[in-house]
Amino acid sequence: MTGTTRSSDGLDDRRKRLLFRCWHRGTREMDLILGRFADAEIGNLSEAELSELEALLEVNDPDLYAALTGDKALPAAVAGPLFARIKAFPVADSAV
């Protein structure tokens, strides 16, 4: 699998944008982690969680990847409950 498995049909513009951004990060590892999370969860995220996701997407890939692997801490402003959900999301079938 090399990309999204979810259609953006039925999503509002904000969710469509976030789904796209999650799959187009710049590094393949982050595409797979954030993209798969977005495929599974984007339709169920609250407005507050969407804002948290937008903030996480502003973190550069090396820092975000290091935080997800436990090598570096994120600033408290972006390391909220959604980050914990992404970190716990199973990516076992990915090439990461």
PDB file of N, CA and C in Angstrom:
ATOM      1  N   MET A   1       0.849  -1.172   0.000  1.00  0.00           N
ATOM      2  CA  MET A   1       0.000   0.000   0.000  1.00  0.00           C
ATOM      3  C   MET A   1       0.896   1.237   0.000  1.00  0.00           C
ATOM      4  N   THR A   2       0.557   2.180  -0.850  1.00  0.00           N
ATOM      5  CA  THR A   2       1.420   3.346  -0.954  1.00  0.00           C
ATOM      6  C   THR A   2       0.715   4.667  -0.713  1.00  0.00           C
ATOM      7  N   GLY A   3      -0.538   4.655  -0.355  1.00  0.00           N
ATOM      8  CA  GLY A   3      -1.223   5.914  -0.143  1.00  0.00           C
ATOM      9  C   GLY A   3      -2.552   5.728   0.528  1.00  0.00           C
ATOM     10  N   THR A   4      -3.310   6.796   0.504  1.00  0.00           N
ATOM     11  CA  THR A   4      -4.584   6.802   1.207  1.00  0.00           C
ATOM     12  C   THR A   4      -5.517   5.707   0.727  1.00  0.00           C
ATOM     13  N   THR A   5      -6.266   5.187   1.652  1.00  0.00           N
ATOM     14  CA  THR A   5      -7.288   4.198   1.330  1.00  0.00           C
ATOM     15  C   THR A   5      -8.669   4.801   1.546  1.00  0.00           C
ATOM     16  N   ARG A   6      -8.703   6.050   1.944  1.00  0.00           N
ATOM     17  CA  ARG A   6      -9.957   6.726   2.253  1.00  0.00           C
ATOM     18  C   ARG A   6     -10.234   7.802   1.226  1.00  0.00           C
ATOM     19  N   SER A   7     -11.437   7.851   0.768  1.00  0.00           N
ATOM     20  CA  SER A   7     -11.853   8.914  -0.130  1.00  0.00           C
ATOM     21  C   SER A   7     -12.154  10.166   0.695  1.00  0.00           C
ATOM     22  N   SER A   8     -11.949  11.307   0.104  1.00  0.00           N
ATOM     23  CA  SER A   8     -12.289  12.553   0.797  1.00  0.00           C
ATOM     24  C   SER A   8     -13.747  12.928   0.569  1.00  0.00           C
ATOM     25  N   ASP A   9     -14.479  12.118  -0.179  1.00  0.00           N
ATOM     26  CA  ASP A   9     -15.902  12.368  -0.392  1.00  0.00           C
ATOM     27  C   ASP A   9     -16.626  12.422   0.947  1.00  0.00           C
ATOM     28  N   GLY A  10     -17.468  13.406   1.110  1.00  0.00           N
ATOM     29  CA  GLY A  10     -18.244  13.533   2.324  1.00  0.00           C
ATOM     30  C   GLY A  10     -17.547  14.292   3.443  1.00  0.00           C
ATOM     31  N   LEU A  11     -16.287  14.643   3.247  1.00  0.00           N
ATOM     32  CA  LEU A  11     -15.561  15.406   4.259  1.00  0.00           C
ATOM     33  C   LEU A  11     -15.703  16.897   3.983  1.00  0.00           C
ATOM     34  N   ASP A  12     -15.724  17.691   5.047  1.00  0.00           N
ATOM     35  CA  ASP A  12     -15.727  19.140   4.853  1.00  0.00           C
ATOM     36  C   ASP A  12     -14.338  19.577   4.381  1.00  0.00           C
ATOM     37  N   ASP A  13     -14.236  20.810   3.925  1.00  0.00           N
ATOM     38  CA  ASP A  13     -12.977  21.297   3.344  1.00  0.00           C
ATOM     39  C   ASP A  13     -11.800  21.202   4.314  1.00  0.00           C
ATOM     40  N   ARG A  14     -12.044  21.499   5.575  1.00  0.00           N
ATOM     41  CA  ARG A  14     -10.961  21.452   6.567  1.00  0.00           C
ATOM     42  C   ARG A  14     -10.410  20.032   6.684  1.00  0.00           C
ATOM     43  N   ARG A  15     -11.282  19.054   6.761  1.00  0.00           N
ATOM     44  CA  ARG A  15     -10.844  17.653   6.872  1.00  0.00           C
ATOM     45  C   ARG A  15     -10.164  17.181   5.586  1.00  0.00           C
ATOM     46  N   LYS A  16     -10.664  17.614   4.442  1.00  0.00           N
ATOM     47  CA  LYS A  16     -10.023  17.264   3.171  1.00  0.00           C
ATOM     48  C   LYS A  16      -8.586  17.782   3.140  1.00  0.00           C
ATOM     49  N   ARG A  17      -8.412  19.031   3.549  1.00  0.00           N
ATOM     50  CA  ARG A  17      -7.072  19.640   3.568  1.00  0.00           C
ATOM     51  C   ARG A  17      -6.146  18.873   4.502  1.00  0.00           C
ATOM     52  N   LEU A  18      -6.659  18.547   5.693  1.00  0.00           N
ATOM     53  CA  LEU A  18      -5.831  17.831   6.670  1.00  0.00           C
ATOM     54  C   LEU A  18      -5.492  16.424   6.194  1.00  0.00           C
ATOM     55  N   LEU A  19      -6.438  15.741   5.585  1.00  0.00           N
ATOM     56  CA  LEU A  19      -6.158  14.413   5.047  1.00  0.00           C
ATOM     57  C   LEU A  19      -5.043  14.490   4.013  1.00  0.00           C
ATOM     58  N   PHE A  20      -5.134  15.455   3.119  1.00  0.00           N
ATOM     59  CA  PHE A  20      -4.099  15.640   2.103  1.00  0.00           C
ATOM     60  C   PHE A  20      -2.744  15.929   2.747  1.00  0.00           C
ATOM     61  N   ARG A  21      -2.730  16.855   3.712  1.00  0.00           N
ATOM     62  CA  ARG A  21      -1.470  17.235   4.364  1.00  0.00           C
ATOM     63  C   ARG A  21      -0.845  16.072   5.122  1.00  0.00           C
ATOM     64  N   CYS A  22      -1.680  15.210   5.693  1.00  0.00           N
ATOM     65  CA  CYS A  22      -1.141  14.050   6.418  1.00  0.00           C
ATOM     66  C   CYS A  22      -0.453  13.065   5.474  1.00  0.00           C
ATOM     67  N   TRP A  23      -0.942  12.963   4.240  1.00  0.00           N
ATOM     68  CA  TRP A  23      -0.351  12.044   3.264  1.00  0.00           C
ATOM     69  C   TRP A  23       0.761  12.695   2.439  1.00  0.00           C
ATOM     70  N   HIS A  24       1.009  13.968   2.594  1.00  0.00           N
ATOM     71  CA  HIS A  24       2.017  14.681   1.797  1.00  0.00           C
ATOM     72  C   HIS A  24       2.926  15.486   2.710  1.00  0.00           C
ATOM     73  N   ARG A  25       3.647  14.788   3.576  1.00  0.00           N
ATOM     74  CA  ARG A  25       4.488  15.430   4.585  1.00  0.00           C
ATOM     75  C   ARG A  25       5.864  15.801   4.050  1.00  0.00           C
ATOM     76  N   GLY A  26       6.411  14.996   3.203  1.00  0.00           N
ATOM     77  CA  GLY A  26       7.773  15.254   2.739  1.00  0.00           C
ATOM     78  C   GLY A  26       8.695  14.090   3.031  1.00  0.00           C
ATOM     79  N   THR A  27       8.368  13.304   4.045  1.00  0.00           N
ATOM     80  CA  THR A  27       9.118  12.071   4.290  1.00  0.00           C
ATOM     81  C   THR A  27       8.136  10.910   4.273  1.00  0.00           C
ATOM     82  N   ARG A  28       8.538   9.825   3.692  1.00  0.00           N
ATOM     83  CA  ARG A  28       7.650   8.673   3.537  1.00  0.00           C
ATOM     84  C   ARG A  28       7.185   8.126   4.888  1.00  0.00           C
ATOM     85  N   GLU A  29       8.086   8.120   5.859  1.00  0.00           N
ATOM     86  CA  GLU A  29       7.734   7.597   7.175  1.00  0.00           C
ATOM     87  C   GLU A  29       6.572   8.378   7.784  1.00  0.00           C
ATOM     88  N   MET A  30       6.644   9.700   7.691  1.00  0.00           N
ATOM     89  CA  MET A  30       5.588  10.523   8.264  1.00  0.00           C
ATOM     90  C   MET A  30       4.308  10.433   7.434  1.00  0.00           C
ATOM     91  N   ASP A  31       4.438  10.279   6.116  1.00  0.00           N
ATOM     92  CA  ASP A  31       3.253  10.054   5.286  1.00  0.00           C
ATOM     93  C   ASP A  31       2.495   8.822   5.785  1.00  0.00           C
ATOM     94  N   LEU A  32       3.220   7.750   6.024  1.00  0.00           N
ATOM     95  CA  LEU A  32       2.585   6.507   6.444  1.00  0.00           C
ATOM     96  C   LEU A  32       1.980   6.603   7.842  1.00  0.00           C
ATOM     97  N   ILE A  33       2.690   7.219   8.757  1.00  0.00           N
ATOM     98  CA  ILE A  33       2.180   7.326  10.126  1.00  0.00           C
ATOM     99  C   ILE A  33       0.964   8.241  10.175  1.00  0.00           C
ATOM    100  N   LEU A  34       1.128   9.481   9.725  1.00  0.00           N
ATOM    101  CA  LEU A  34       0.030  10.449   9.812  1.00  0.00           C
ATOM    102  C   LEU A  34      -1.082  10.146   8.814  1.00  0.00           C
ATOM    103  N   GLY A  35      -0.706   9.684   7.630  1.00  0.00           N
ATOM    104  CA  GLY A  35      -1.712   9.369   6.621  1.00  0.00           C
ATOM    105  C   GLY A  35      -2.624   8.239   7.044  1.00  0.00           C
ATOM    106  N   ARG A  36      -2.062   7.187   7.572  1.00  0.00           N
ATOM    107  CA  ARG A  36      -2.895   6.068   8.011  1.00  0.00           C
ATOM    108  C   ARG A  36      -3.769   6.462   9.197  1.00  0.00           C
ATOM    109  N   PHE A  37      -3.204   7.255  10.104  1.00  0.00           N
ATOM    110  CA  PHE A  37      -4.025   7.743  11.216  1.00  0.00           C
ATOM    111  C   PHE A  37      -5.184   8.575  10.664  1.00  0.00           C
ATOM    112  N   ALA A  38      -4.894   9.472   9.748  1.00  0.00           N
ATOM    113  CA  ALA A  38      -5.938  10.330   9.183  1.00  0.00           C
ATOM    114  C   ALA A  38      -6.980   9.505   8.432  1.00  0.00           C
ATOM    115  N   ASP A  39      -6.556   8.521   7.666  1.00  0.00           N
ATOM    116  CA  ASP A  39      -7.508   7.658   6.969  1.00  0.00           C
ATOM    117  C   ASP A  39      -8.518   7.060   7.943  1.00  0.00           C
ATOM    118  N   ALA A  40      -8.028   6.610   9.080  1.00  0.00           N
ATOM    119  CA  ALA A  40      -8.876   5.929  10.058  1.00  0.00           C
ATOM    120  C   ALA A  40      -9.709   6.887  10.900  1.00  0.00           C
ATOM    121  N   GLU A  41      -9.187   8.075  11.196  1.00  0.00           N
ATOM    122  CA  GLU A  41      -9.802   8.913  12.226  1.00  0.00           C
ATOM    123  C   GLU A  41     -10.330  10.276  11.783  1.00  0.00           C
ATOM    124  N   ILE A  42      -9.977  10.749  10.610  1.00  0.00           N
ATOM    125  CA  ILE A  42     -10.279  12.142  10.249  1.00  0.00           C
ATOM    126  C   ILE A  42     -11.766  12.476  10.338  1.00  0.00           C
ATOM    127  N   GLY A  43     -12.624  11.553   9.997  1.00  0.00           N
ATOM    128  CA  GLY A  43     -14.057  11.812  10.038  1.00  0.00           C
ATOM    129  C   GLY A  43     -14.628  11.898  11.438  1.00  0.00           C
ATOM    130  N   ASN A  44     -13.890  11.385  12.426  1.00  0.00           N
ATOM    131  CA  ASN A  44     -14.384  11.340  13.798  1.00  0.00           C
ATOM    132  C   ASN A  44     -13.766  12.391  14.710  1.00  0.00           C
ATOM    133  N   LEU A  45     -12.811  13.163  14.217  1.00  0.00           N
ATOM    134  CA  LEU A  45     -12.127  14.128  15.072  1.00  0.00           C
ATOM    135  C   LEU A  45     -13.017  15.329  15.373  1.00  0.00           C
ATOM    136  N   SER A  46     -12.964  15.786  16.619  1.00  0.00           N
ATOM    137  CA  SER A  46     -13.696  16.989  17.022  1.00  0.00           C
ATOM    138  C   SER A  46     -12.991  18.224  16.467  1.00  0.00           C
ATOM    139  N   GLU A  47     -13.638  19.355  16.583  1.00  0.00           N
ATOM    140  CA  GLU A  47     -13.027  20.610  16.141  1.00  0.00           C
ATOM    141  C   GLU A  47     -11.727  20.879  16.909  1.00  0.00           C
ATOM    142  N   ALA A  48     -11.727  20.607  18.203  1.00  0.00           N
ATOM    143  CA  ALA A  48     -10.514  20.800  19.006  1.00  0.00           C
ATOM    144  C   ALA A  48      -9.398  19.861  18.540  1.00  0.00           C
ATOM    145  N   GLU A  49      -9.751  18.634  18.218  1.00  0.00           N
ATOM    146  CA  GLU A  49      -8.742  17.683  17.736  1.00  0.00           C
ATOM    147  C   GLU A  49      -8.222  18.080  16.366  1.00  0.00           C
ATOM    148  N   LEU A  50      -9.081  18.625  15.525  1.00  0.00           N
ATOM    149  CA  LEU A  50      -8.625  19.112  14.223  1.00  0.00           C
ATOM    150  C   LEU A  50      -7.614  20.246  14.404  1.00  0.00           C
ATOM    151  N   SER A  51      -7.880  21.122  15.362  1.00  0.00           N
ATOM    152  CA  SER A  51      -6.933  22.206  15.652  1.00  0.00           C
ATOM    153  C   SER A  51      -5.611  21.645  16.160  1.00  0.00           C
ATOM    154  N   GLU A  52      -5.683  20.625  16.993  1.00  0.00           N
ATOM    155  CA  GLU A  52      -4.463  19.997  17.499  1.00  0.00           C
ATOM    156  C   GLU A  52      -3.694  19.345  16.357  1.00  0.00           C
ATOM    157  N   LEU A  53      -4.400  18.700  15.432  1.00  0.00           N
ATOM    158  CA  LEU A  53      -3.742  18.086  14.281  1.00  0.00           C
ATOM    159  C   LEU A  53      -3.077  19.158  13.416  1.00  0.00           C
ATOM    160  N   GLU A  54      -3.755  20.271  13.208  1.00  0.00           N
ATOM    161  CA  GLU A  54      -3.157  21.369  12.437  1.00  0.00           C
ATOM    162  C   GLU A  54      -1.869  21.848  13.095  1.00  0.00           C
ATOM    163  N   ALA A  55      -1.858  21.957  14.407  1.00  0.00           N
ATOM    164  CA  ALA A  55      -0.645  22.377  15.118  1.00  0.00           C
ATOM    165  C   ALA A  55       0.459  21.338  14.963  1.00  0.00           C
ATOM    166  N   LEU A  56       0.118  20.069  15.045  1.00  0.00           N
ATOM    167  CA  LEU A  56       1.124  19.011  14.880  1.00  0.00           C
ATOM    168  C   LEU A  56       1.728  19.041  13.478  1.00  0.00           C
ATOM    169  N   LEU A  57       0.913  19.356  12.488  1.00  0.00           N
ATOM    170  CA  LEU A  57       1.407  19.389  11.115  1.00  0.00           C
ATOM    171  C   LEU A  57       2.371  20.547  10.864  1.00  0.00           C
ATOM    172  N   GLU A  58       2.412  21.504  11.768  1.00  0.00           N
ATOM    173  CA  GLU A  58       3.369  22.601  11.657  1.00  0.00           C
ATOM    174  C   GLU A  58       4.749  22.211  12.190  1.00  0.00           C
ATOM    175  N   VAL A  59       4.841  21.126  12.921  1.00  0.00           N
ATOM    176  CA  VAL A  59       6.127  20.637  13.436  1.00  0.00           C
ATOM    177  C   VAL A  59       6.862  19.974  12.280  1.00  0.00           C
ATOM    178  N   ASN A  60       8.161  20.254  12.146  1.00  0.00           N
ATOM    179  CA  ASN A  60       8.884  19.668  11.021  1.00  0.00           C
ATOM    180  C   ASN A  60       9.026  18.156  11.198  1.00  0.00           C
ATOM    181  N   ASP A  61       9.137  17.458  10.079  1.00  0.00           N
ATOM    182  CA  ASP A  61       9.149  15.999  10.076  1.00  0.00           C
ATOM    183  C   ASP A  61      10.199  15.371  10.989  1.00  0.00           C
ATOM    184  N   PRO A  62      11.455  15.808  10.947  1.00  0.00           N
ATOM    185  CA  PRO A  62      12.442  15.153  11.818  1.00  0.00           C
ATOM    186  C   PRO A  62      12.094  15.262  13.302  1.00  0.00           C
ATOM    187  N   ASP A  63      11.605  16.420  13.737  1.00  0.00           N
ATOM    188  CA  ASP A  63      11.242  16.587  15.142  1.00  0.00           C
ATOM    189  C   ASP A  63      10.003  15.770  15.513  1.00  0.00           C
ATOM    190  N   LEU A  64       9.014  15.755  14.636  1.00  0.00           N
ATOM    191  CA  LEU A  64       7.801  14.995  14.909  1.00  0.00           C
ATOM    192  C   LEU A  64       8.090  13.494  14.910  1.00  0.00           C
ATOM    193  N   TYR A  65       8.875  13.036  13.963  1.00  0.00           N
ATOM    194  CA  TYR A  65       9.239  11.616  13.918  1.00  0.00           C
ATOM    195  C   TYR A  65      10.031  11.230  15.172  1.00  0.00           C
ATOM    196  N   ALA A  66      10.961  12.078  15.575  1.00  0.00           N
ATOM    197  CA  ALA A  66      11.742  11.804  16.789  1.00  0.00           C
ATOM    198  C   ALA A  66      10.841  11.736  18.016  1.00  0.00           C
ATOM    199  N   ALA A  67       9.831  12.574  18.063  1.00  0.00           N
ATOM    200  CA  ALA A  67       8.891  12.539  19.192  1.00  0.00           C
ATOM    201  C   ALA A  67       8.049  11.270  19.156  1.00  0.00           C
ATOM    202  N   LEU A  68       7.639  10.863  17.977  1.00  0.00           N
ATOM    203  CA  LEU A  68       6.835   9.645  17.856  1.00  0.00           C
ATOM    204  C   LEU A  68       7.625   8.390  18.219  1.00  0.00           C
ATOM    205  N   THR A  69       8.916   8.417  17.979  1.00  0.00           N
ATOM    206  CA  THR A  69       9.753   7.259  18.316  1.00  0.00           C
ATOM    207  C   THR A  69      10.336   7.340  19.710  1.00  0.00           C
ATOM    208  N   GLY A  70      10.061   8.449  20.410  1.00  0.00           N
ATOM    209  CA  GLY A  70      10.523   8.600  21.788  1.00  0.00           C
ATOM    210  C   GLY A  70      11.919   9.169  21.930  1.00  0.00           C
ATOM    211  N   ASP A  71      12.516   9.625  20.835  1.00  0.00           N
ATOM    212  CA  ASP A  71      13.874  10.165  20.887  1.00  0.00           C
ATOM    213  C   ASP A  71      13.928  11.640  21.276  1.00  0.00           C
ATOM    214  N   LYS A  72      12.798  12.321  21.240  1.00  0.00           N
ATOM    215  CA  LYS A  72      12.769  13.749  21.516  1.00  0.00           C
ATOM    216  C   LYS A  72      11.382  14.116  22.024  1.00  0.00           C
ATOM    217  N   ALA A  73      11.313  15.076  22.905  1.00  0.00           N
ATOM    218  CA  ALA A  73      10.016  15.534  23.401  1.00  0.00           C
ATOM    219  C   ALA A  73       9.520  16.700  22.558  1.00  0.00           C
ATOM    220  N   LEU A  74       8.224  16.762  22.388  1.00  0.00           N
ATOM    221  CA  LEU A  74       7.611  17.900  21.713  1.00  0.00           C
ATOM    222  C   LEU A  74       7.278  18.966  22.743  1.00  0.00           C
ATOM    223  N   PRO A  75       7.179  20.215  22.321  1.00  0.00           N
ATOM    224  CA  PRO A  75       6.697  21.254  23.236  1.00  0.00           C
ATOM    225  C   PRO A  75       5.297  20.890  23.739  1.00  0.00           C
ATOM    226  N   ALA A  76       5.008  21.223  24.966  1.00  0.00           N
ATOM    227  CA  ALA A  76       3.717  20.888  25.569  1.00  0.00           C
ATOM    228  C   ALA A  76       2.542  21.452  24.767  1.00  0.00           C
ATOM    229  N   ALA A  77       2.758  22.541  24.066  1.00  0.00           N
ATOM    230  CA  ALA A  77       1.687  23.163  23.292  1.00  0.00           C
ATOM    231  C   ALA A  77       1.161  22.259  22.179  1.00  0.00           C
ATOM    232  N   VAL A  78       1.963  21.333  21.701  1.00  0.00           N
ATOM    233  CA  VAL A  78       1.525  20.436  20.619  1.00  0.00           C
ATOM    234  C   VAL A  78       1.483  18.968  21.035  1.00  0.00           C
ATOM    235  N   ALA A  79       1.994  18.654  22.207  1.00  0.00           N
ATOM    236  CA  ALA A  79       2.049  17.253  22.654  1.00  0.00           C
ATOM    237  C   ALA A  79       0.845  16.924  23.526  1.00  0.00           C
ATOM    238  N   GLY A  80      -0.340  17.082  22.959  1.00  0.00           N
ATOM    239  CA  GLY A  80      -1.562  16.841  23.709  1.00  0.00           C
ATOM    240  C   GLY A  80      -2.120  15.446  23.497  1.00  0.00           C
ATOM    241  N   PRO A  81      -3.390  15.264  23.835  1.00  0.00           N
ATOM    242  CA  PRO A  81      -4.025  13.946  23.732  1.00  0.00           C
ATOM    243  C   PRO A  81      -4.039  13.373  22.318  1.00  0.00           C
ATOM    244  N   LEU A  82      -4.188  14.217  21.300  1.00  0.00           N
ATOM    245  CA  LEU A  82      -4.189  13.694  19.934  1.00  0.00           C
ATOM    246  C   LEU A  82      -2.827  13.139  19.569  1.00  0.00           C
ATOM    247  N   PHE A  83      -1.760  13.816  19.984  1.00  0.00           N
ATOM    248  CA  PHE A  83      -0.415  13.299  19.730  1.00  0.00           C
ATOM    249  C   PHE A  83      -0.268  11.909  20.361  1.00  0.00           C
ATOM    250  N   ALA A  84      -0.775  11.738  21.577  1.00  0.00           N
ATOM    251  CA  ALA A  84      -0.699  10.433  22.243  1.00  0.00           C
ATOM    252  C   ALA A  84      -1.467   9.374  21.451  1.00  0.00           C
ATOM    253  N   ARG A  85      -2.613   9.746  20.895  1.00  0.00           N
ATOM    254  CA  ARG A  85      -3.375   8.796  20.069  1.00  0.00           C
ATOM    255  C   ARG A  85      -2.621   8.419  18.807  1.00  0.00           C
ATOM    256  N   ILE A  86      -1.987   9.394  18.175  1.00  0.00           N
ATOM    257  CA  ILE A  86      -1.207   9.107  16.964  1.00  0.00           C
ATOM    258  C   ILE A  86      -0.034   8.200  17.314  1.00  0.00           C
ATOM    259  N   LYS A  87       0.617   8.494  18.414  1.00  0.00           N
ATOM    260  CA  LYS A  87       1.772   7.696  18.843  1.00  0.00           C
ATOM    261  C   LYS A  87       1.365   6.250  19.126  1.00  0.00           C
ATOM    262  N   ALA A  88       0.178   6.053  19.660  1.00  0.00           N
ATOM    263  CA  ALA A  88      -0.306   4.702  19.987  1.00  0.00           C
ATOM    264  C   ALA A  88      -0.958   3.994  18.806  1.00  0.00           C
ATOM    265  N   PHE A  89      -1.209   4.723  17.725  1.00  0.00           N
ATOM    266  CA  PHE A  89      -1.905   4.135  16.570  1.00  0.00           C
ATOM    267  C   PHE A  89      -1.045   3.049  15.935  1.00  0.00           C
ATOM    268  N   PRO A  90      -1.596   1.873  15.677  1.00  0.00           N
ATOM    269  CA  PRO A  90      -0.803   0.776  15.104  1.00  0.00           C
ATOM    270  C   PRO A  90      -0.396   1.031  13.654  1.00  0.00           C
ATOM    271  N   VAL A  91       0.883   0.923  13.404  1.00  0.00           N
ATOM    272  CA  VAL A  91       1.402   1.037  12.039  1.00  0.00           C
ATOM    273  C   VAL A  91       2.209  -0.203  11.690  1.00  0.00           C
ATOM    274  N   ALA A  92       1.885  -1.310  12.326  1.00  0.00           N
ATOM    275  CA  ALA A  92       2.660  -2.539  12.169  1.00  0.00           C
ATOM    276  C   ALA A  92       2.744  -3.018  10.740  1.00  0.00           C
ATOM    277  N   ASP A  93       1.714  -2.764   9.932  1.00  0.00           N
ATOM    278  CA  ASP A  93       1.760  -3.247   8.563  1.00  0.00           C
ATOM    279  C   ASP A  93       2.415  -2.253   7.604  1.00  0.00           C
ATOM    280  N   SER A  94       2.985  -1.185   8.151  1.00  0.00           N
ATOM    281  CA  SER A  94       3.642  -0.194   7.284  1.00  0.00           C
ATOM    282  C   SER A  94       5.113  -0.527   7.117  1.00  0.00           C
ATOM    283  N   ALA A  95       5.745   0.204   6.235  1.00  0.00           N
ATOM    284  CA  ALA A  95       7.165   0.002   5.949  1.00  0.00           C
ATOM    285  C   ALA A  95       8.027   0.907   6.811  1.00  0.00           C
ATOM    286  N   VAL A  96       7.466   1.459   7.869  1.00  0.00           N
ATOM    287  CA  VAL A  96       8.216   2.380   8.735  1.00  0.00           C
ATOM    288  C   VAL A  96       9.159   1.612   9.614  1.00  0.00           C
TER     289      VAL A  96
END
